[in-house]
Each structure stands twice: as C-alpha cells, then as structure tokens.
N, C-alpha and C. Protein backbone atom coordinates (compact mmCIF):
# COMPACT_ATOMS: atom_id res chain seq x y z
N MET A 1 2.81 -0.04 1.15
CA MET A 1 3.39 0.55 2.33
C MET A 1 2.40 1.24 3.28
N TYR A 2 1.65 2.03 2.33
CA TYR A 2 0.41 2.94 2.96
C TYR A 2 -0.46 1.94 3.70
N GLU A 3 -1.21 0.89 3.15
CA GLU A 3 -2.01 0.02 3.61
C GLU A 3 -1.28 -0.88 4.72
N THR A 4 -0.16 -1.00 4.83
CA THR A 4 0.58 -1.74 5.93
C THR A 4 0.84 -0.73 7.22
N TYR A 5 0.96 0.55 6.82
CA TYR A 5 1.38 1.13 7.97
C TYR A 5 0.39 2.42 8.31
N LYS A 6 -0.55 2.43 7.69
CA LYS A 6 -1.24 3.76 7.78
C LYS A 6 -2.10 4.00 9.07
N ASP A 7 -2.04 2.91 9.99
CA ASP A 7 -2.76 3.00 11.43
C ASP A 7 -1.44 3.59 12.07
N HIS A 8 -0.39 3.54 11.76
CA HIS A 8 0.93 3.60 12.72
C HIS A 8 1.54 5.05 12.41
N VAL A 9 1.49 5.46 11.16
CA VAL A 9 2.19 6.79 10.99
C VAL A 9 1.15 7.70 9.73
N GLN A 10 1.55 8.89 9.60
CA GLN A 10 0.77 9.73 8.73
C GLN A 10 1.49 9.65 7.47
N PHE A 11 0.82 9.28 6.11
CA PHE A 11 1.43 9.40 5.18
C PHE A 11 0.54 10.89 4.25
N TYR A 12 1.47 11.18 3.44
CA TYR A 12 0.86 12.44 2.82
C TYR A 12 1.67 12.30 1.17
N LEU A 13 0.83 12.46 0.12
CA LEU A 13 1.59 12.69 -1.03
C LEU A 13 1.54 14.37 -1.33
N VAL A 14 2.53 14.83 -1.87
CA VAL A 14 2.66 15.98 -2.08
C VAL A 14 2.51 16.15 -3.50
N TYR A 15 1.69 16.97 -4.17
CA TYR A 15 1.64 17.17 -5.69
C TYR A 15 2.34 18.29 -5.95
N MET A 16 3.13 18.32 -6.85
CA MET A 16 3.99 19.45 -7.04
C MET A 16 4.11 19.93 -8.68
N LYS A 17 4.95 20.91 -9.21
CA LYS A 17 4.79 21.23 -10.38
C LYS A 17 5.08 20.02 -11.34
N GLU A 18 4.35 20.03 -12.42
CA GLU A 18 4.54 18.89 -13.47
C GLU A 18 5.82 18.78 -13.89
N ALA A 19 6.46 17.82 -13.82
CA ALA A 19 7.91 17.53 -14.13
C ALA A 19 8.02 17.32 -15.64
N HIS A 20 7.02 16.84 -16.37
CA HIS A 20 7.13 16.49 -17.65
C HIS A 20 5.71 17.14 -18.46
N SER A 21 5.33 18.26 -18.22
CA SER A 21 4.22 18.62 -18.97
C SER A 21 4.50 18.98 -20.41
N SER A 22 3.28 18.82 -20.90
CA SER A 22 3.26 18.89 -22.50
C SER A 22 2.08 19.06 -23.05
N VAL A 23 1.99 19.78 -24.06
CA VAL A 23 0.73 19.90 -24.92
C VAL A 23 0.99 19.01 -26.19
N VAL A 24 1.89 18.35 -26.08
CA VAL A 24 2.21 17.53 -27.55
C VAL A 24 1.91 16.09 -26.81
N SER A 25 1.08 15.37 -27.81
CA SER A 25 0.75 14.02 -27.55
C SER A 25 2.04 13.16 -27.32
N ASN A 26 2.00 12.04 -26.40
CA ASN A 26 3.14 11.25 -26.14
C ASN A 26 2.87 10.27 -26.94
N GLN A 27 3.69 9.85 -27.99
CA GLN A 27 3.87 8.57 -28.86
C GLN A 27 3.90 7.19 -28.26
N SER A 28 4.45 7.14 -26.92
CA SER A 28 4.55 6.10 -26.14
C SER A 28 3.26 5.75 -25.41
N GLY A 29 2.12 6.40 -25.46
CA GLY A 29 0.84 6.06 -24.80
C GLY A 29 0.81 6.73 -23.44
N GLY A 30 1.82 7.48 -22.80
CA GLY A 30 1.69 7.97 -21.70
C GLY A 30 0.96 9.17 -21.64
N LYS A 31 0.59 9.60 -20.33
CA LYS A 31 -0.34 10.75 -20.43
C LYS A 31 0.35 12.28 -20.00
N PHE A 32 0.41 13.42 -20.55
CA PHE A 32 1.00 14.66 -20.56
C PHE A 32 0.08 15.56 -20.19
N VAL A 33 0.17 16.54 -19.37
CA VAL A 33 -0.77 17.66 -19.12
C VAL A 33 -0.09 18.75 -19.37
N GLU A 34 -0.76 20.02 -19.66
CA GLU A 34 -0.24 21.20 -19.91
C GLU A 34 0.38 21.72 -18.32
N GLN A 35 1.22 22.56 -18.07
CA GLN A 35 1.52 22.91 -16.89
C GLN A 35 0.59 24.06 -16.42
N PRO A 36 -0.16 23.66 -15.19
CA PRO A 36 -1.24 24.33 -14.70
C PRO A 36 -0.82 25.85 -14.73
N LYS A 37 -1.64 26.97 -15.05
CA LYS A 37 -1.67 28.43 -15.18
C LYS A 37 -1.92 28.88 -13.86
N SER A 38 -2.77 28.33 -13.01
CA SER A 38 -3.01 28.85 -11.65
C SER A 38 -3.08 27.66 -10.46
N TYR A 39 -3.10 27.99 -9.20
CA TYR A 39 -3.17 27.19 -8.10
C TYR A 39 -4.33 26.27 -8.22
N GLU A 40 -5.40 26.81 -8.58
CA GLU A 40 -6.84 26.11 -8.83
C GLU A 40 -6.42 25.00 -9.90
N GLU A 41 -5.95 25.40 -10.98
CA GLU A 41 -5.81 24.31 -12.12
C GLU A 41 -4.75 23.02 -11.44
N ARG A 42 -3.73 23.36 -10.59
CA ARG A 42 -2.78 22.68 -10.16
C ARG A 42 -3.64 21.69 -9.08
N CYS A 43 -4.39 22.32 -8.46
CA CYS A 43 -5.28 21.56 -7.77
C CYS A 43 -6.20 20.41 -8.54
N LYS A 44 -6.73 20.99 -9.34
CA LYS A 44 -7.73 20.19 -10.32
C LYS A 44 -6.87 18.84 -10.75
N VAL A 45 -5.74 19.17 -11.34
CA VAL A 45 -4.79 18.12 -11.99
C VAL A 45 -4.48 17.30 -11.02
N ALA A 46 -4.17 17.60 -9.64
CA ALA A 46 -3.81 16.73 -8.43
C ALA A 46 -4.89 15.76 -8.36
N MET A 47 -6.01 16.41 -8.26
CA MET A 47 -7.27 15.55 -7.76
C MET A 47 -7.65 14.73 -8.88
N ASP A 48 -7.53 15.06 -10.24
CA ASP A 48 -7.78 14.12 -10.96
C ASP A 48 -6.91 13.02 -11.33
N PHE A 49 -5.61 13.14 -11.00
CA PHE A 49 -4.50 12.17 -10.81
C PHE A 49 -5.00 11.35 -9.57
N VAL A 50 -5.27 11.77 -8.46
CA VAL A 50 -5.38 10.70 -7.51
C VAL A 50 -6.80 10.09 -7.79
N LYS A 51 -7.83 10.61 -8.46
CA LYS A 51 -9.04 9.98 -8.86
C LYS A 51 -8.59 8.75 -9.93
N GLU A 52 -7.84 9.04 -10.67
CA GLU A 52 -7.71 8.27 -12.03
C GLU A 52 -6.62 6.97 -11.62
N MET A 53 -5.65 7.45 -10.53
CA MET A 53 -4.91 6.33 -9.97
C MET A 53 -5.46 5.65 -8.73
N ASN A 54 -6.68 5.95 -8.49
CA ASN A 54 -7.51 5.60 -7.34
C ASN A 54 -6.75 5.18 -6.14
N LEU A 55 -6.04 6.43 -5.63
CA LEU A 55 -5.15 6.54 -4.52
C LEU A 55 -5.85 6.88 -3.35
N ALA A 56 -5.61 6.54 -2.14
CA ALA A 56 -6.13 6.46 -1.08
C ALA A 56 -5.27 7.43 -0.19
N ILE A 57 -4.12 7.68 -0.39
CA ILE A 57 -3.25 8.47 0.50
C ILE A 57 -3.33 10.00 0.58
N PRO A 58 -3.73 10.57 1.66
CA PRO A 58 -3.92 11.97 1.45
C PRO A 58 -3.14 12.86 0.77
N THR A 59 -3.57 13.58 -0.03
CA THR A 59 -2.85 14.30 -0.90
C THR A 59 -2.81 15.75 -0.81
N LEU A 60 -1.76 16.51 -0.53
CA LEU A 60 -1.62 17.95 -0.41
C LEU A 60 -1.06 18.43 -1.87
N VAL A 61 -1.38 19.86 -1.95
CA VAL A 61 -0.95 20.33 -3.35
C VAL A 61 0.07 21.48 -2.94
N ASP A 62 1.33 21.46 -3.63
CA ASP A 62 2.32 22.48 -3.23
C ASP A 62 1.77 23.85 -3.60
N SER A 63 2.20 24.99 -3.13
CA SER A 63 1.97 26.17 -3.50
C SER A 63 2.43 26.45 -4.59
N PHE A 64 1.87 27.69 -5.32
CA PHE A 64 1.92 27.69 -6.83
C PHE A 64 3.39 28.19 -6.81
N ASP A 65 4.19 28.99 -5.94
CA ASP A 65 5.52 29.13 -5.96
C ASP A 65 6.40 27.99 -5.89
N ASN A 66 5.86 26.76 -5.59
CA ASN A 66 6.69 25.50 -5.55
C ASN A 66 7.61 25.30 -4.50
N LYS A 67 7.25 25.98 -3.19
CA LYS A 67 8.00 26.12 -2.18
C LYS A 67 8.43 24.69 -1.39
N ALA A 68 7.42 23.80 -1.54
CA ALA A 68 7.66 22.62 -0.75
C ALA A 68 8.49 21.75 -1.70
N GLY A 69 8.43 21.77 -3.17
CA GLY A 69 9.30 21.02 -3.88
C GLY A 69 10.80 21.53 -3.86
N ASN A 70 10.65 23.00 -3.69
CA ASN A 70 12.21 23.50 -3.59
C ASN A 70 12.74 23.48 -2.33
N ASP A 71 12.04 23.56 -1.41
CA ASP A 71 12.54 23.44 0.06
C ASP A 71 13.19 21.85 0.39
N TRP A 72 12.32 21.09 -0.08
CA TRP A 72 12.65 19.37 0.13
C TRP A 72 13.21 18.83 -1.07
N SER A 73 13.60 19.63 -2.14
CA SER A 73 14.54 19.09 -3.19
C SER A 73 13.91 17.89 -3.79
N ALA A 74 12.65 17.88 -4.02
CA ALA A 74 11.66 16.79 -4.29
C ALA A 74 11.30 16.58 -5.61
N ARG A 75 11.80 17.15 -6.65
CA ARG A 75 11.33 16.93 -7.98
C ARG A 75 12.19 16.08 -8.48
N PRO A 76 11.77 15.24 -9.55
CA PRO A 76 10.55 14.85 -9.93
C PRO A 76 9.79 14.14 -8.75
N ASP A 77 10.55 13.22 -8.05
CA ASP A 77 9.56 12.70 -6.95
C ASP A 77 10.71 12.15 -5.95
N ARG A 78 10.28 12.03 -4.80
CA ARG A 78 11.39 11.71 -3.56
C ARG A 78 10.48 11.17 -2.33
N ILE A 79 10.99 10.51 -1.67
CA ILE A 79 10.30 9.74 -0.45
C ILE A 79 11.22 10.19 0.78
N TYR A 80 10.42 10.73 1.77
CA TYR A 80 11.04 11.11 3.02
C TYR A 80 10.18 10.20 3.94
N VAL A 81 10.96 9.78 5.22
CA VAL A 81 10.44 9.36 6.29
C VAL A 81 10.73 10.27 7.41
N ILE A 82 9.82 10.65 8.19
CA ILE A 82 10.23 11.67 9.00
C ILE A 82 9.60 11.14 10.52
N GLY A 83 10.53 11.30 11.54
CA GLY A 83 10.17 10.83 12.85
C GLY A 83 9.03 11.82 13.64
N LYS A 84 8.65 11.36 14.62
CA LYS A 84 7.70 12.20 15.52
C LYS A 84 8.36 13.39 15.77
N ASP A 85 9.62 13.36 16.14
CA ASP A 85 10.50 14.63 16.59
C ASP A 85 10.82 15.51 15.47
N GLY A 86 10.36 15.18 14.25
CA GLY A 86 10.24 16.03 12.90
C GLY A 86 11.86 16.08 12.52
N LYS A 87 12.53 15.11 12.67
CA LYS A 87 13.98 14.99 12.00
C LYS A 87 13.79 13.98 10.99
N ILE A 88 14.41 14.05 9.67
CA ILE A 88 14.41 13.14 8.75
C ILE A 88 15.14 11.77 9.09
N PHE A 89 14.13 10.78 9.18
CA PHE A 89 14.86 9.33 9.34
C PHE A 89 15.36 8.71 8.19
N TYR A 90 14.93 9.03 7.03
CA TYR A 90 15.18 8.71 5.80
C TYR A 90 14.89 9.43 4.54
N LYS A 91 15.79 9.54 3.64
CA LYS A 91 15.78 10.45 2.56
C LYS A 91 15.98 9.93 1.23
N ALA A 92 15.20 9.71 0.39
CA ALA A 92 15.70 8.64 -0.96
C ALA A 92 16.17 9.58 -1.81
N GLU A 93 17.12 9.26 -2.61
CA GLU A 93 17.38 9.99 -3.67
C GLU A 93 16.33 10.26 -4.46
N ARG A 94 16.45 11.41 -5.24
CA ARG A 94 15.38 11.91 -6.37
C ARG A 94 15.33 11.00 -7.25
N GLY A 95 13.83 10.97 -7.65
CA GLY A 95 13.42 9.77 -8.73
C GLY A 95 13.82 10.33 -9.92
N PRO A 96 13.37 9.53 -11.20
CA PRO A 96 12.90 8.23 -10.79
C PRO A 96 14.00 7.17 -10.42
N ASP A 97 15.16 7.22 -10.54
CA ASP A 97 16.17 6.28 -10.11
C ASP A 97 16.19 6.08 -8.55
N GLY A 98 15.94 7.09 -7.79
CA GLY A 98 16.00 7.06 -6.48
C GLY A 98 14.75 6.69 -5.83
N PHE A 99 13.67 6.56 -6.60
CA PHE A 99 12.27 6.31 -5.99
C PHE A 99 12.43 4.77 -5.60
N LYS A 100 12.70 4.46 -4.42
CA LYS A 100 12.74 2.95 -3.80
C LYS A 100 11.77 2.82 -2.86
N PRO A 101 10.43 2.69 -3.07
CA PRO A 101 9.63 2.15 -1.91
C PRO A 101 10.22 1.21 -0.63
N ASP A 102 10.70 0.24 -1.40
CA ASP A 102 11.32 -0.98 -0.49
C ASP A 102 12.17 -0.44 0.41
N GLU A 103 13.08 0.49 -0.04
CA GLU A 103 13.97 0.95 1.04
C GLU A 103 13.24 1.70 2.06
N ALA A 104 12.20 2.59 1.42
CA ALA A 104 11.52 3.58 2.54
C ALA A 104 10.79 2.72 3.41
N ALA A 105 10.28 1.52 3.09
CA ALA A 105 9.40 0.58 4.02
C ALA A 105 10.36 0.01 4.97
N ALA A 106 11.40 -0.28 4.49
CA ALA A 106 12.44 -0.75 5.67
C ALA A 106 12.99 0.39 6.49
N ALA A 107 13.20 1.29 6.00
CA ALA A 107 13.52 2.45 7.08
C ALA A 107 12.14 2.78 7.96
N LEU A 108 11.27 2.92 7.38
CA LEU A 108 9.80 2.88 8.18
C LEU A 108 9.66 1.93 9.29
N LYS A 109 9.98 0.61 9.09
CA LYS A 109 10.03 -0.63 9.82
C LYS A 109 10.81 -0.29 11.02
N LYS A 110 12.33 0.13 10.60
CA LYS A 110 13.08 0.14 11.65
C LYS A 110 12.74 1.29 12.50
N MET A 111 12.44 2.43 12.04
CA MET A 111 11.93 3.64 12.90
C MET A 111 11.03 3.31 13.62
N LEU A 112 10.14 2.62 13.38
CA LEU A 112 8.90 1.85 14.24
C LEU A 112 9.46 0.83 15.20
N GLY A 113 10.57 0.34 14.98
CA GLY A 113 11.25 -0.73 15.91
C GLY A 113 10.59 -2.26 15.63
N ASN A 114 10.16 -2.22 14.21
CA ASN A 114 9.74 -3.71 13.80
C ASN A 114 10.75 -4.52 13.14
C-alpha cells in the first residue's frame, strides 16, 4: 500500500508501547523485548524494529505517556485513513483481528477517487 500510494498521500507508522513485552524467551521463536524504561529506549526499540523489518515508511514514536496510543485507541495496532480535511475516512478495528490492510487500501483508493 505504501509503495502504491506514497506519492499521493502521507504515511506514518506510529510506534507505541510494547503490547507483548517480556524478558522471557518465546518458545515459538518470536522476538520479545523488555518494555522500554525511557523515551530514549523506546526510540531505540522502534528504530531497531524499522531497521530489522527493512521498513521505508516514515516512523514516529509515541510519547512516553502513550498519548497517541490512548487518544487513537490504537493498541495493539490499528490503521487509519485520514482525509486532507483532517477527518477520519476509515478506521479499522483494533488488531490483530482488525488489522486488514486490504480494507484500508480500498478505503484509500475510494478516498482518492480511484
């Protein structure tokens, strides 16, 4: 979606509080990290994630009081499409079940009049 529409709209990934932080190893092979203890640590975890996942999407980091995550009810993840007028055009349900990029792409396409 980013590659398709990046020249027409602005995309941002907002990195928030770790939803599944742990110091315990994950038996299924997933990667867990400790909950950062400072904003600087959160920024490092976010940038490590972006680098590891090889993401090109501009990434913002939520404040340490989790204001964006709380205000947008975005944990553990959520997709929004917001029009030029600042109004929400599409709001996905919260993830992981509500994380549906195909729905968001269709909404974005409709918003752009394609």
